[in-house]
Structure formats: C-alpha cells, structure tokens
Amino acid sequence: MPRGRYSLHDPHDHTPLAEEHFHCAPGPSGWRYVSQLTTPTSDHTGSVDLALDDLGRPLRLEIHAGDWQVRGAALDGISWVRTDPTGTEATEGNVRAHAFTGTSPAFLVATARLLRLTPSSSATRVRLVALTDPVLAPRTLDQSWALVDRETHATDNGPLIVDAYQVTALDTGEQHTVHLAGDVVLSAPGIELEDLQTPPSTFD
C-alpha cells in the first residue's frame, strides 16, 4: 500500500498550493486512493476518496475543497452531485464522459488505468469532467494521451517500471508529460512527489 506526500503548486509561477498526504492500494474490485490536503501552513483544506473498478472506471468519488463537496460515479456516462458550503443547495450533473479529473494526482493514475496504453498504442482521446479549484466547478474537457516511453530502473525492492505519458489538451493544443510508476505519480505539471514510504503497487 503506497503511502506518502505530494506537494502541489501552480504550474506556471510555482506558487505552493497544498500538500496532499495519501495512501492507495489495488484491491479485489479495482483500486482506491484516499488523501487529505493541507495548506503550506498545515491548515486542512480538503480531501479525496476515489475508488475505481477493475476496468478503471470511477465506482465512487467523494472530494472536498473548503466547504464544497462533490460526489460522483460512472453512471450513464459521468454523474455527480455538487453541494455548496451551506449544505442547502445541491446541483446534479451528468455528461457523456469517461472519468473525472482535477488537481489531485489520483486522477492521473485513474486516467492511465482507464486507458491501459502500451508503448505501441496510438494516442487515445478521452473526455473528462474536471473539478476545478477552489469550488469544484465541473467542466468537461477532451484530452489525448499517448504512452511515449517506458523504462525499467533497478531498485532495492526490485525493478521499477516508469511510464512517460504525453498529455495534450485538445482545446488548446498544450502538451505536458506525466511520469507514473504503478499507482504513484513521480512528476507532472504542478505535482512533485516529496515522500514515499512504501513502493508503488503494480497493476496486472
């Protein structure tokens, strides 16, 4: 069960945004990721609880940012309920999409798991519902993912396979690279792995 800490920062000016303390693990029905977010001054700001089925689809998502909350799942596409800070208003949404995304590293692992690309695969288009900070506003976007490199590194715990994905935003053409090892993000725009207490899990 990988357990550790990511630092999140603005990918443009590198302003520190939060630290995400996480643990995750594959299970008999898929994969689950749980995290708590704190500010650079250690104030609690949110949480993520994401469970995938064995095909990489979101079985359940519960995410908090400040007093905002979204609960969602793969149901007739992607469905969710967003609740405001007072708890008196709840807005439902549904779109024809494949999964959720957002600032948490969990969503990068989830998308890679959903697509199951190989180095010989062509770039694959995926439609995602992005939950944007600071109020978890939902926005539908399209990305293209391609697995452009796979390297094996020797470690004390055995071989570590690192995958490099090229991710393209189809509305702007902006590209960036995401490095994953199993169910841990090694690096991505706005994300740095600061501490990892146990090795990444591998998917079958």
Protein backbone atom coordinates (compact mmCIF):
# COMPACT_ATOMS: atom_id res chain seq x y z
CA MET A 1 0.00 0.00 0.00
CA PRO A 2 1.85 3.13 -1.17
CA ARG A 3 1.73 5.93 1.37
CA GLY A 4 3.37 9.32 1.04
CA ARG A 5 3.07 13.02 0.31
CA TYR A 6 2.79 15.15 -2.80
CA SER A 7 3.35 18.88 -2.99
CA LEU A 8 1.00 20.78 -5.29
CA HIS A 9 1.96 24.11 -6.83
CA ASP A 10 0.86 26.46 -9.57
CA PRO A 11 2.43 25.00 -12.75
CA HIS A 12 3.04 28.48 -14.16
CA ASP A 13 4.58 30.50 -11.33
CA HIS A 14 5.30 27.61 -8.88
CA THR A 15 3.33 29.19 -6.03
CA PRO A 16 2.83 26.49 -3.35
CA LEU A 17 -0.83 25.50 -3.15
CA ALA A 18 -1.13 22.47 -0.89
CA GLU A 19 0.34 19.23 0.35
CA GLU A 20 -1.55 16.01 -0.30
CA HIS A 21 -0.99 13.17 2.18
CA PHE A 22 -2.16 9.96 0.53
CA HIS A 23 -2.39 6.22 0.62
CA CYS A 24 -3.67 3.95 -2.12
CA ALA A 25 -3.88 0.27 -2.98
CA PRO A 26 -5.29 -2.16 -5.53
CA GLY A 27 -7.97 -4.47 -4.27
CA PRO A 28 -10.19 -7.33 -5.46
CA SER A 29 -12.56 -4.95 -7.26
CA GLY A 30 -10.14 -2.29 -8.51
CA TRP A 31 -8.12 0.49 -6.85
CA ARG A 32 -8.73 3.04 -4.10
CA TYR A 33 -6.99 6.32 -3.28
CA VAL A 34 -7.58 8.36 -0.11
CA SER A 35 -5.90 11.66 0.74
CA GLN A 36 -6.04 14.72 2.97
CA LEU A 37 -4.94 18.15 1.75
CA THR A 38 -3.31 20.84 3.85
CA THR A 39 -2.06 24.34 3.10
CA PRO A 40 1.65 25.19 3.36
CA THR A 41 0.79 26.37 6.90
CA SER A 42 -0.75 22.94 7.73
CA ASP A 43 -4.40 24.02 7.70
CA HIS A 44 -6.79 21.34 6.43
CA THR A 45 -8.30 22.32 3.07
CA GLY A 46 -9.86 19.23 1.57
CA SER A 47 -9.84 15.51 0.86
CA VAL A 48 -10.13 12.99 -1.95
CA ASP A 49 -11.63 9.49 -1.84
CA LEU A 50 -11.63 7.77 -5.23
CA ALA A 51 -12.47 4.12 -5.93
CA LEU A 52 -12.08 2.53 -9.37
CA ASP A 53 -13.47 -0.74 -10.67
CA ASP A 54 -11.20 -3.30 -12.31
CA LEU A 55 -11.62 -1.55 -15.69
CA GLY A 56 -10.50 1.81 -14.28
CA ARG A 57 -13.96 3.41 -14.20
CA PRO A 58 -14.86 5.57 -11.18
CA LEU A 59 -17.05 3.49 -8.89
CA ARG A 60 -17.21 6.29 -6.34
CA LEU A 61 -15.70 9.73 -5.90
CA GLU A 62 -16.05 11.98 -2.88
CA ILE A 63 -13.97 15.13 -2.97
CA HIS A 64 -13.97 18.14 -0.65
CA ALA A 65 -12.40 21.55 -1.18
CA GLY A 66 -13.02 24.07 1.56
CA ASP A 67 -16.71 23.61 2.34
CA TRP A 68 -17.61 22.46 -1.19
CA GLN A 69 -18.28 18.79 -1.88
CA VAL A 70 -18.76 16.63 -4.98
CA ARG A 71 -19.90 13.03 -5.01
CA GLY A 72 -19.85 11.20 -8.30
CA ALA A 73 -19.55 7.93 -10.20
CA ALA A 74 -19.67 6.38 -13.65
CA LEU A 75 -23.44 6.19 -14.23
CA ASP A 76 -24.91 6.80 -17.69
CA GLY A 77 -21.62 8.49 -18.52
CA ILE A 78 -20.36 10.51 -15.57
CA SER A 79 -22.81 11.72 -12.92
CA TRP A 80 -22.26 13.88 -9.86
CA VAL A 81 -23.88 15.94 -7.12
CA ARG A 82 -22.18 19.18 -6.05
CA THR A 83 -23.09 20.70 -2.68
CA ASP A 84 -22.45 24.31 -1.68
CA PRO A 85 -20.78 25.40 1.59
CA THR A 86 -24.09 25.97 3.39
CA GLY A 87 -25.31 22.48 2.55
CA THR A 88 -28.67 23.85 1.43
CA GLU A 89 -28.19 23.62 -2.33
CA ALA A 90 -27.21 20.55 -4.32
CA THR A 91 -26.71 20.61 -8.08
CA GLU A 92 -26.81 17.43 -10.12
CA GLY A 93 -24.86 16.92 -13.33
CA ASN A 94 -24.41 14.26 -15.98
CA VAL A 95 -22.37 14.23 -19.19
CA ARG A 96 -21.20 11.66 -21.70
CA ALA A 97 -17.64 11.33 -20.45
CA HIS A 98 -15.25 8.62 -19.31
CA ALA A 99 -13.96 9.78 -15.91
CA PHE A 100 -13.17 12.68 -13.59
CA THR A 101 -10.03 14.77 -13.38
CA GLY A 102 -8.70 17.55 -11.16
CA THR A 103 -5.61 18.73 -9.34
CA SER A 104 -5.14 15.54 -7.30
CA PRO A 105 -2.51 13.10 -8.60
CA ALA A 106 -5.14 10.39 -8.12
CA PHE A 107 -6.85 11.44 -11.33
CA LEU A 108 -3.70 10.97 -13.43
CA VAL A 109 -3.30 7.40 -12.16
CA ALA A 110 -7.02 6.79 -12.74
CA THR A 111 -6.91 8.01 -16.35
CA ALA A 112 -3.83 5.94 -17.13
CA ARG A 113 -5.53 2.91 -15.58
CA LEU A 114 -8.68 3.53 -17.62
CA LEU A 115 -6.82 3.81 -20.94
CA ARG A 116 -4.32 0.94 -20.37
CA LEU A 117 -1.99 2.19 -23.10
CA THR A 118 1.10 0.35 -24.31
CA PRO A 119 4.19 1.86 -25.97
CA SER A 120 2.84 0.65 -29.33
CA SER A 121 -0.60 2.21 -28.81
CA SER A 122 -1.62 5.23 -30.80
CA ALA A 123 -2.68 8.39 -28.96
CA THR A 124 -6.10 7.92 -27.39
CA ARG A 125 -8.75 10.58 -26.88
CA VAL A 126 -10.58 10.73 -23.58
CA ARG A 127 -13.38 13.01 -22.34
CA LEU A 128 -13.13 14.02 -18.68
CA VAL A 129 -15.09 16.07 -16.16
CA ALA A 130 -12.61 18.41 -14.48
CA LEU A 131 -13.45 19.57 -10.96
CA THR A 132 -11.69 22.91 -10.81
CA ASP A 133 -10.46 24.60 -7.66
CA PRO A 134 -11.33 26.31 -5.42
CA VAL A 135 -15.06 25.49 -5.62
CA LEU A 136 -15.02 22.16 -7.52
CA ALA A 137 -16.79 23.67 -10.52
CA PRO A 138 -17.34 20.93 -13.13
CA ARG A 139 -16.03 21.48 -16.67
CA THR A 140 -15.97 18.95 -19.50
CA LEU A 141 -12.73 18.71 -21.45
CA ASP A 142 -11.06 16.47 -24.01
CA GLN A 143 -7.50 15.20 -23.79
CA SER A 144 -5.26 12.96 -25.85
CA TRP A 145 -2.98 10.51 -24.02
CA ALA A 146 -0.03 8.63 -25.50
CA LEU A 147 2.49 6.36 -23.74
CA VAL A 148 5.72 7.65 -25.26
CA ASP A 149 8.35 5.89 -23.13
CA ARG A 150 8.70 3.01 -20.68
CA GLU A 151 11.89 2.50 -18.68
CA THR A 152 12.85 -0.10 -16.08
CA HIS A 153 15.01 1.02 -13.16
CA ALA A 154 16.73 -1.30 -10.70
CA THR A 155 15.87 -0.62 -7.04
CA ASP A 156 16.41 -2.35 -3.70
CA ASN A 157 12.80 -3.58 -3.93
CA GLY A 158 13.15 -4.99 -7.44
CA PRO A 159 12.59 -3.47 -10.90
CA LEU A 160 10.63 -0.21 -11.06
CA ILE A 161 8.80 0.46 -14.34
CA VAL A 162 8.35 4.16 -15.12
CA ASP A 163 5.90 5.20 -17.84
CA ALA A 164 6.04 8.61 -19.53
CA TYR A 165 2.74 9.85 -20.95
CA GLN A 166 2.31 12.79 -23.30
CA VAL A 167 -0.97 14.50 -22.48
CA THR A 168 -2.45 17.00 -24.93
CA ALA A 169 -5.31 19.39 -24.17
CA LEU A 170 -7.37 19.18 -27.36
CA ASP A 171 -8.95 22.61 -26.95
CA THR A 172 -5.63 24.49 -26.72
CA GLY A 173 -3.04 22.06 -28.07
CA GLU A 174 -0.98 22.47 -24.90
CA GLN A 175 1.13 19.41 -24.11
CA HIS A 176 2.79 18.14 -20.97
CA THR A 177 4.42 14.96 -19.70
CA VAL A 178 3.30 12.78 -16.80
CA HIS A 179 5.63 10.18 -15.25
CA LEU A 180 3.96 7.28 -13.42
CA ALA A 181 5.35 4.28 -11.59
CA GLY A 182 2.50 1.88 -10.91
CA ASP A 183 -0.06 3.84 -8.90
CA VAL A 184 2.26 6.70 -7.92
CA VAL A 185 2.86 9.93 -9.84
CA LEU A 186 6.58 10.65 -9.95
CA SER A 187 6.21 14.03 -11.64
CA ALA A 188 3.66 16.09 -13.55
CA PRO A 189 2.93 19.79 -14.01
CA GLY A 190 2.08 21.22 -10.60
CA ILE A 191 2.86 17.94 -8.80
CA GLU A 192 6.00 16.74 -7.03
CA LEU A 193 6.36 13.51 -5.07
CA GLU A 194 8.01 14.61 -1.82
CA ASP A 195 7.86 11.44 0.26
CA LEU A 196 7.05 7.78 -0.43
CA GLN A 197 7.15 5.36 2.49
CA THR A 198 6.36 2.17 0.57
CA PRO A 199 6.93 1.18 -3.07
CA PRO A 200 4.26 1.73 -5.72
CA SER A 201 1.74 -1.01 -6.38
CA THR A 202 1.71 -2.63 -9.78
CA PHE A 203 -1.42 -3.33 -11.79
CA ASP A 204 -1.98 -6.64 -13.57
